[in-house]
PDB file of all heavy atoms in Angstrom:
ATOM      1  N   GLN A   1       0.824  -1.200   0.000  1.00  0.00           N
ATOM      2  CA  GLN A   1       0.000   0.000   0.000  1.00  0.00           C
ATOM      3  C   GLN A   1       0.861   1.255   0.000  1.00  0.00           C
ATOM      4  O   GLN A   1       0.547   2.248  -0.666  1.00  0.00           O
ATOM      5  CB  GLN A   1      -0.925  -0.008   1.214  1.00  0.00           C
ATOM      6  CG  GLN A   1      -1.978   1.090   1.207  1.00  0.00           C
ATOM      7  CD  GLN A   1      -2.924   0.983   2.386  1.00  0.00           C
ATOM      8  OE1 GLN A   1      -2.678   0.238   3.330  1.00  0.00           O
ATOM      9  NE2 GLN A   1      -4.014   1.726   2.342  1.00  0.00           N
ATOM     10  N   ARG A   2       1.985   1.215   0.721  1.00  0.00           N
ATOM     11  CA  ARG A   2       2.881   2.370   0.788  1.00  0.00           C
ATOM     12  C   ARG A   2       3.517   2.666  -0.568  1.00  0.00           C
ATOM     13  O   ARG A   2       3.810   3.830  -0.887  1.00  0.00           O
ATOM     14  CB  ARG A   2       3.974   2.117   1.839  1.00  0.00           C
ATOM     15  CG  ARG A   2       4.846   3.327   2.142  1.00  0.00           C
ATOM     16  CD  ARG A   2       5.861   3.000   3.219  1.00  0.00           C
ATOM     17  NE  ARG A   2       6.827   2.022   2.753  1.00  0.00           N
ATOM     18  CZ  ARG A   2       7.908   2.332   2.040  1.00  0.00           C
ATOM     19  NH1 ARG A   2       8.145   3.599   1.705  1.00  0.00           N
ATOM     20  NH2 ARG A   2       8.752   1.398   1.672  1.00  0.00           N
ATOM     21  N   LYS A   3       3.707   1.625  -1.365  1.00  0.00           N
ATOM     22  CA  LYS A   3       4.335   1.806  -2.674  1.00  0.00           C
ATOM     23  C   LYS A   3       3.326   1.952  -3.806  1.00  0.00           C
ATOM     24  O   LYS A   3       3.676   1.801  -4.975  1.00  0.00           O
ATOM     25  CB  LYS A   3       5.279   0.638  -2.961  1.00  0.00           C
ATOM     26  CG  LYS A   3       6.488   0.628  -2.039  1.00  0.00           C
ATOM     27  CD  LYS A   3       7.563  -0.322  -2.525  1.00  0.00           C
ATOM     28  CE  LYS A   3       8.815  -0.221  -1.659  1.00  0.00           C
ATOM     29  NZ  LYS A   3       9.901  -1.101  -2.135  1.00  0.00           N
ATOM     30  N   GLY A   4       2.073   2.228  -3.459  1.00  0.00           N
ATOM     31  CA  GLY A   4       1.106   2.586  -4.472  1.00  0.00           C
ATOM     32  C   GLY A   4       0.186   1.481  -4.928  1.00  0.00           C
ATOM     33  O   GLY A   4      -0.656   1.698  -5.806  1.00  0.00           O
ATOM     34  N   TYR A   5       0.315   0.290  -4.356  1.00  0.00           N
ATOM     35  CA  TYR A   5      -0.590  -0.799  -4.709  1.00  0.00           C
ATOM     36  C   TYR A   5      -1.932  -0.597  -4.025  1.00  0.00           C
ATOM     37  O   TYR A   5      -1.997  -0.114  -2.890  1.00  0.00           O
ATOM     38  CB  TYR A   5      -0.015  -2.148  -4.298  1.00  0.00           C
ATOM     39  CG  TYR A   5       1.201  -2.590  -5.072  1.00  0.00           C
ATOM     40  CD1 TYR A   5       2.457  -2.074  -4.771  1.00  0.00           C
ATOM     41  CD2 TYR A   5       1.105  -3.530  -6.088  1.00  0.00           C
ATOM     42  CE1 TYR A   5       3.586  -2.480  -5.470  1.00  0.00           C
ATOM     43  CE2 TYR A   5       2.223  -3.946  -6.791  1.00  0.00           C
ATOM     44  CZ  TYR A   5       3.461  -3.415  -6.477  1.00  0.00           C
ATOM     45  OH  TYR A   5       4.570  -3.816  -7.164  1.00  0.00           O
ATOM     46  N   ASN A   6      -2.999  -1.006  -4.700  1.00  0.00           N
ATOM     47  CA  ASN A   6      -4.318  -0.942  -4.105  1.00  0.00           C
ATOM     48  C   ASN A   6      -4.402  -1.912  -2.928  1.00  0.00           C
ATOM     49  O   ASN A   6      -3.943  -3.043  -3.025  1.00  0.00           O
ATOM     50  CB  ASN A   6      -5.378  -1.295  -5.168  1.00  0.00           C
ATOM     51  CG  ASN A   6      -6.787  -1.201  -4.627  1.00  0.00           C
ATOM     52  OD1 ASN A   6      -7.304  -2.150  -4.059  1.00  0.00           O
ATOM     53  ND2 ASN A   6      -7.409  -0.049  -4.810  1.00  0.00           N
ATOM     54  N   ARG A   7      -4.990  -1.459  -1.807  1.00  0.00           N
ATOM     55  CA  ARG A   7      -5.036  -2.297  -0.609  1.00  0.00           C
ATOM     56  C   ARG A   7      -5.848  -3.568  -0.848  1.00  0.00           C
ATOM     57  O   ARG A   7      -5.460  -4.657  -0.407  1.00  0.00           O
ATOM     58  CB  ARG A   7      -5.620  -1.514   0.562  1.00  0.00           C
ATOM     59  CG  ARG A   7      -5.705  -2.331   1.848  1.00  0.00           C
ATOM     60  CD  ARG A   7      -6.158  -1.498   3.021  1.00  0.00           C
ATOM     61  NE  ARG A   7      -6.289  -2.311   4.214  1.00  0.00           N
ATOM     62  CZ  ARG A   7      -5.285  -2.669   5.009  1.00  0.00           C
ATOM     63  NH1 ARG A   7      -4.057  -2.278   4.724  1.00  0.00           N
ATOM     64  NH2 ARG A   7      -5.478  -3.409   6.078  1.00  0.00           N
ATOM     65  N   GLU A   8      -6.978  -3.434  -1.537  1.00  0.00           N
ATOM     66  CA  GLU A   8      -7.803  -4.612  -1.810  1.00  0.00           C
ATOM     67  C   GLU A   8      -7.039  -5.631  -2.651  1.00  0.00           C
ATOM     68  O   GLU A   8      -7.154  -6.838  -2.450  1.00  0.00           O
ATOM     69  CB  GLU A   8      -9.101  -4.202  -2.521  1.00  0.00           C
ATOM     70  CG  GLU A   8     -10.123  -3.507  -1.637  1.00  0.00           C
ATOM     71  CD  GLU A   8      -9.742  -2.070  -1.309  1.00  0.00           C
ATOM     72  OE1 GLU A   8      -8.835  -1.534  -1.995  1.00  0.00           O
ATOM     73  OE2 GLU A   8     -10.332  -1.490  -0.380  1.00  0.00           O
ATOM     74  N   PHE A   9      -6.251  -5.119  -3.590  1.00  0.00           N
ATOM     75  CA  PHE A   9      -5.442  -6.019  -4.423  1.00  0.00           C
ATOM     76  C   PHE A   9      -4.409  -6.755  -3.574  1.00  0.00           C
ATOM     77  O   PHE A   9      -4.202  -7.962  -3.729  1.00  0.00           O
ATOM     78  CB  PHE A   9      -4.743  -5.203  -5.521  1.00  0.00           C
ATOM     79  CG  PHE A   9      -3.734  -5.980  -6.298  1.00  0.00           C
ATOM     80  CD1 PHE A   9      -4.122  -6.926  -7.251  1.00  0.00           C
ATOM     81  CD2 PHE A   9      -2.375  -5.779  -6.089  1.00  0.00           C
ATOM     82  CE1 PHE A   9      -3.187  -7.639  -7.966  1.00  0.00           C
ATOM     83  CE2 PHE A   9      -1.437  -6.493  -6.799  1.00  0.00           C
ATOM     84  CZ  PHE A   9      -1.840  -7.426  -7.750  1.00  0.00           C
ATOM     85  N   GLY A  10      -3.765  -6.040  -2.662  1.00  0.00           N
ATOM     86  CA  GLY A  10      -2.755  -6.652  -1.801  1.00  0.00           C
ATOM     87  C   GLY A  10      -3.347  -7.711  -0.882  1.00  0.00           C
ATOM     88  O   GLY A  10      -2.766  -8.782  -0.706  1.00  0.00           O
ATOM     89  N   VAL A  11      -4.513  -7.401  -0.313  1.00  0.00           N
ATOM     90  CA  VAL A  11      -5.165  -8.364   0.585  1.00  0.00           C
ATOM     91  C   VAL A  11      -5.596  -9.606  -0.191  1.00  0.00           C
ATOM     92  O   VAL A  11      -5.358 -10.750   0.245  1.00  0.00           O
ATOM     93  CB  VAL A  11      -6.379  -7.714   1.279  1.00  0.00           C
ATOM     94  CG1 VAL A  11      -7.172  -8.759   2.061  1.00  0.00           C
ATOM     95  CG2 VAL A  11      -5.920  -6.603   2.211  1.00  0.00           C
ATOM     96  N   ALA A  12      -6.237  -9.408  -1.342  1.00  0.00           N
ATOM     97  CA  ALA A  12      -6.700 -10.545  -2.143  1.00  0.00           C
ATOM     98  C   ALA A  12      -5.528 -11.398  -2.616  1.00  0.00           C
ATOM     99  O   ALA A  12      -5.606 -12.640  -2.600  1.00  0.00           O
ATOM    100  CB  ALA A  12      -7.504 -10.040  -3.337  1.00  0.00           C
ATOM    101  N   LEU A  13      -4.443 -10.756  -3.014  1.00  0.00           N
ATOM    102  CA  LEU A  13      -3.278 -11.499  -3.494  1.00  0.00           C
ATOM    103  C   LEU A  13      -2.647 -12.308  -2.368  1.00  0.00           C
ATOM    104  O   LEU A  13      -2.246 -13.470  -2.566  1.00  0.00           O
ATOM    105  CB  LEU A  13      -2.250 -10.532  -4.088  1.00  0.00           C
ATOM    106  CG  LEU A  13      -1.001 -11.163  -4.693  1.00  0.00           C
ATOM    107  CD1 LEU A  13      -1.368 -12.064  -5.862  1.00  0.00           C
ATOM    108  CD2 LEU A  13      -0.010 -10.088  -5.141  1.00  0.00           C
ATOM    109  N   THR A  14      -2.558 -11.736  -1.169  1.00  0.00           N
ATOM    110  CA  THR A  14      -1.964 -12.438  -0.035  1.00  0.00           C
ATOM    111  C   THR A  14      -2.798 -13.655   0.360  1.00  0.00           C
ATOM    112  O   THR A  14      -2.263 -14.746   0.589  1.00  0.00           O
ATOM    113  CB  THR A  14      -1.836 -11.497   1.173  1.00  0.00           C
ATOM    114  OG1 THR A  14      -1.075 -10.343   0.794  1.00  0.00           O
ATOM    115  CG2 THR A  14      -1.143 -12.191   2.328  1.00  0.00           C
ATOM    116  N   ILE A  15      -4.108 -13.473   0.436  1.00  0.00           N
ATOM    117  CA  ILE A  15      -4.984 -14.584   0.821  1.00  0.00           C
ATOM    118  C   ILE A  15      -4.917 -15.710  -0.207  1.00  0.00           C
ATOM    119  O   ILE A  15      -4.840 -16.892   0.140  1.00  0.00           O
ATOM    120  CB  ILE A  15      -6.434 -14.080   0.978  1.00  0.00           C
ATOM    121  CG1 ILE A  15      -6.526 -13.102   2.154  1.00  0.00           C
ATOM    122  CG2 ILE A  15      -7.391 -15.249   1.186  1.00  0.00           C
ATOM    123  CD1 ILE A  15      -7.877 -12.437   2.291  1.00  0.00           C
ATOM    124  N   THR A  16      -4.929 -15.336  -1.487  1.00  0.00           N
ATOM    125  CA  THR A  16      -4.876 -16.350  -2.539  1.00  0.00           C
ATOM    126  C   THR A  16      -3.530 -17.050  -2.564  1.00  0.00           C
ATOM    127  O   THR A  16      -3.452 -18.277  -2.715  1.00  0.00           O
ATOM    128  CB  THR A  16      -5.159 -15.710  -3.906  1.00  0.00           C
ATOM    129  OG1 THR A  16      -6.369 -14.952  -3.841  1.00  0.00           O
ATOM    130  CG2 THR A  16      -5.299 -16.771  -4.985  1.00  0.00           C
ATOM    131  N   SER A  17      -2.459 -16.282  -2.394  1.00  0.00           N
ATOM    132  CA  SER A  17      -1.115 -16.872  -2.429  1.00  0.00           C
ATOM    133  C   SER A  17      -0.884 -17.816  -1.261  1.00  0.00           C
ATOM    134  O   SER A  17      -0.156 -18.803  -1.391  1.00  0.00           O
ATOM    135  CB  SER A  17      -0.062 -15.756  -2.408  1.00  0.00           C
ATOM    136  OG  SER A  17      -0.226 -14.869  -3.487  1.00  0.00           O
ATOM    137  N   ALA A  18      -1.483 -17.517  -0.122  1.00  0.00           N
ATOM    138  CA  ALA A  18      -1.285 -18.359   1.059  1.00  0.00           C
ATOM    139  C   ALA A  18      -1.830 -19.762   0.859  1.00  0.00           C
ATOM    140  O   ALA A  18      -1.372 -20.710   1.505  1.00  0.00           O
ATOM    141  CB  ALA A  18      -1.942 -17.714   2.278  1.00  0.00           C
ATOM    142  N   THR A  19      -2.795 -19.923  -0.056  1.00  0.00           N
ATOM    143  CA  THR A  19      -3.364 -21.252  -0.285  1.00  0.00           C
ATOM    144  C   THR A  19      -2.364 -22.190  -0.950  1.00  0.00           C
ATOM    145  O   THR A  19      -2.604 -23.406  -0.979  1.00  0.00           O
ATOM    146  CB  THR A  19      -4.630 -21.164  -1.144  1.00  0.00           C
ATOM    147  OG1 THR A  19      -4.316 -20.554  -2.414  1.00  0.00           O
ATOM    148  CG2 THR A  19      -5.691 -20.329  -0.453  1.00  0.00           C
ATOM    149  N   THR A  20      -1.274 -21.664  -1.488  1.00  0.00           N
ATOM    150  CA  THR A  20      -0.244 -22.550  -2.051  1.00  0.00           C
ATOM    151  C   THR A  20       0.362 -23.421  -0.957  1.00  0.00           C
ATOM    152  O   THR A  20       0.887 -24.496  -1.247  1.00  0.00           O
ATOM    153  CB  THR A  20       0.858 -21.740  -2.736  1.00  0.00           C
ATOM    154  OG1 THR A  20       1.439 -20.813  -1.799  1.00  0.00           O
ATOM    155  CG2 THR A  20       0.313 -20.961  -3.923  1.00  0.00           C
ATOM    156  N   GLY A  21       0.283 -22.953   0.303  1.00  0.00           N
ATOM    157  CA  GLY A  21       0.778 -23.760   1.413  1.00  0.00           C
ATOM    158  C   GLY A  21      -0.037 -25.013   1.644  1.00  0.00           C
ATOM    159  O   GLY A  21       0.421 -25.933   2.335  1.00  0.00           O
ATOM    160  N   LEU A  22      -1.254 -25.064   1.081  1.00  0.00           N
ATOM    161  CA  LEU A  22      -2.076 -26.264   1.190  1.00  0.00           C
ATOM    162  C   LEU A  22      -1.655 -27.323   0.181  1.00  0.00           C
ATOM    163  O   LEU A  22      -2.017 -28.495   0.322  1.00  0.00           O
ATOM    164  CB  LEU A  22      -3.551 -25.912   0.978  1.00  0.00           C
ATOM    165  CG  LEU A  22      -4.134 -24.850   1.914  1.00  0.00           C
ATOM    166  CD1 LEU A  22      -5.578 -24.585   1.569  1.00  0.00           C
ATOM    167  CD2 LEU A  22      -3.987 -25.265   3.367  1.00  0.00           C
ATOM    168  N   LEU A  23      -0.913 -26.915  -0.845  1.00  0.00           N
ATOM    169  CA  LEU A  23      -0.455 -27.842  -1.872  1.00  0.00           C
ATOM    170  C   LEU A  23       1.007 -28.223  -1.685  1.00  0.00           C
ATOM    171  O   LEU A  23       1.365 -29.396  -1.742  1.00  0.00           O
ATOM    172  CB  LEU A  23      -0.649 -27.219  -3.268  1.00  0.00           C
ATOM    173  CG  LEU A  23      -2.097 -27.033  -3.738  1.00  0.00           C
ATOM    174  CD1 LEU A  23      -2.122 -26.248  -5.042  1.00  0.00           C
ATOM    175  CD2 LEU A  23      -2.768 -28.373  -3.925  1.00  0.00           C
ATOM    176  N   ILE A  24       1.847 -27.197  -1.476  1.00  0.00           N
ATOM    177  CA  ILE A  24       3.278 -27.454  -1.329  1.00  0.00           C
ATOM    178  C   ILE A  24       3.535 -28.093   0.034  1.00  0.00           C
ATOM    179  O   ILE A  24       3.128 -27.560   1.058  1.00  0.00           O
ATOM    180  CB  ILE A  24       4.076 -26.146  -1.461  1.00  0.00           C
ATOM    181  CG1 ILE A  24       3.797 -25.500  -2.820  1.00  0.00           C
ATOM    182  CG2 ILE A  24       5.563 -26.397  -1.297  1.00  0.00           C
ATOM    183  CD1 ILE A  24       4.449 -24.149  -2.993  1.00  0.00           C
ATOM    184  N   PRO A  25       4.168 -29.250   0.069  1.00  0.00           N
ATOM    185  CA  PRO A  25       4.395 -29.927   1.357  1.00  0.00           C
ATOM    186  C   PRO A  25       5.388 -29.164   2.221  1.00  0.00           C
ATOM    187  O   PRO A  25       6.251 -28.467   1.688  1.00  0.00           O
ATOM    188  CB  PRO A  25       4.943 -31.289   0.930  1.00  0.00           C
ATOM    189  CG  PRO A  25       5.535 -31.066  -0.419  1.00  0.00           C
ATOM    190  CD  PRO A  25       4.690 -30.007  -1.067  1.00  0.00           C
ATOM    191  N   PRO A  26       5.265 -29.305   3.557  1.00  0.00           N
ATOM    192  CA  PRO A  26       4.255 -30.097   4.264  1.00  0.00           C
ATOM    193  C   PRO A  26       2.911 -29.381   4.301  1.00  0.00           C
ATOM    194  O   PRO A  26       2.869 -28.162   4.397  1.00  0.00           O
ATOM    195  CB  PRO A  26       4.848 -30.231   5.670  1.00  0.00           C
ATOM    196  CG  PRO A  26       5.642 -28.980   5.842  1.00  0.00           C
ATOM    197  CD  PRO A  26       6.226 -28.674   4.486  1.00  0.00           C
ATOM    198  N   SER A  27       1.822 -30.124   4.222  1.00  0.00           N
ATOM    199  CA  SER A  27       0.487 -29.543   4.198  1.00  0.00           C
ATOM    200  C   SER A  27      -0.378 -30.212   5.258  1.00  0.00           C
ATOM    201  O   SER A  27      -0.495 -31.440   5.283  1.00  0.00           O
ATOM    202  CB  SER A  27      -0.136 -29.738   2.814  1.00  0.00           C
ATOM    203  OG  SER A  27      -1.505 -29.391   2.837  1.00  0.00           O
TER     204      SER A  27
END
């Protein structure tokens, strides 16, 4: 957000990216 990214975009990207931890072991 400090570097000009939209906050909603940052939150959505973080939540979606975190789901990779459900696939990449250990899960």
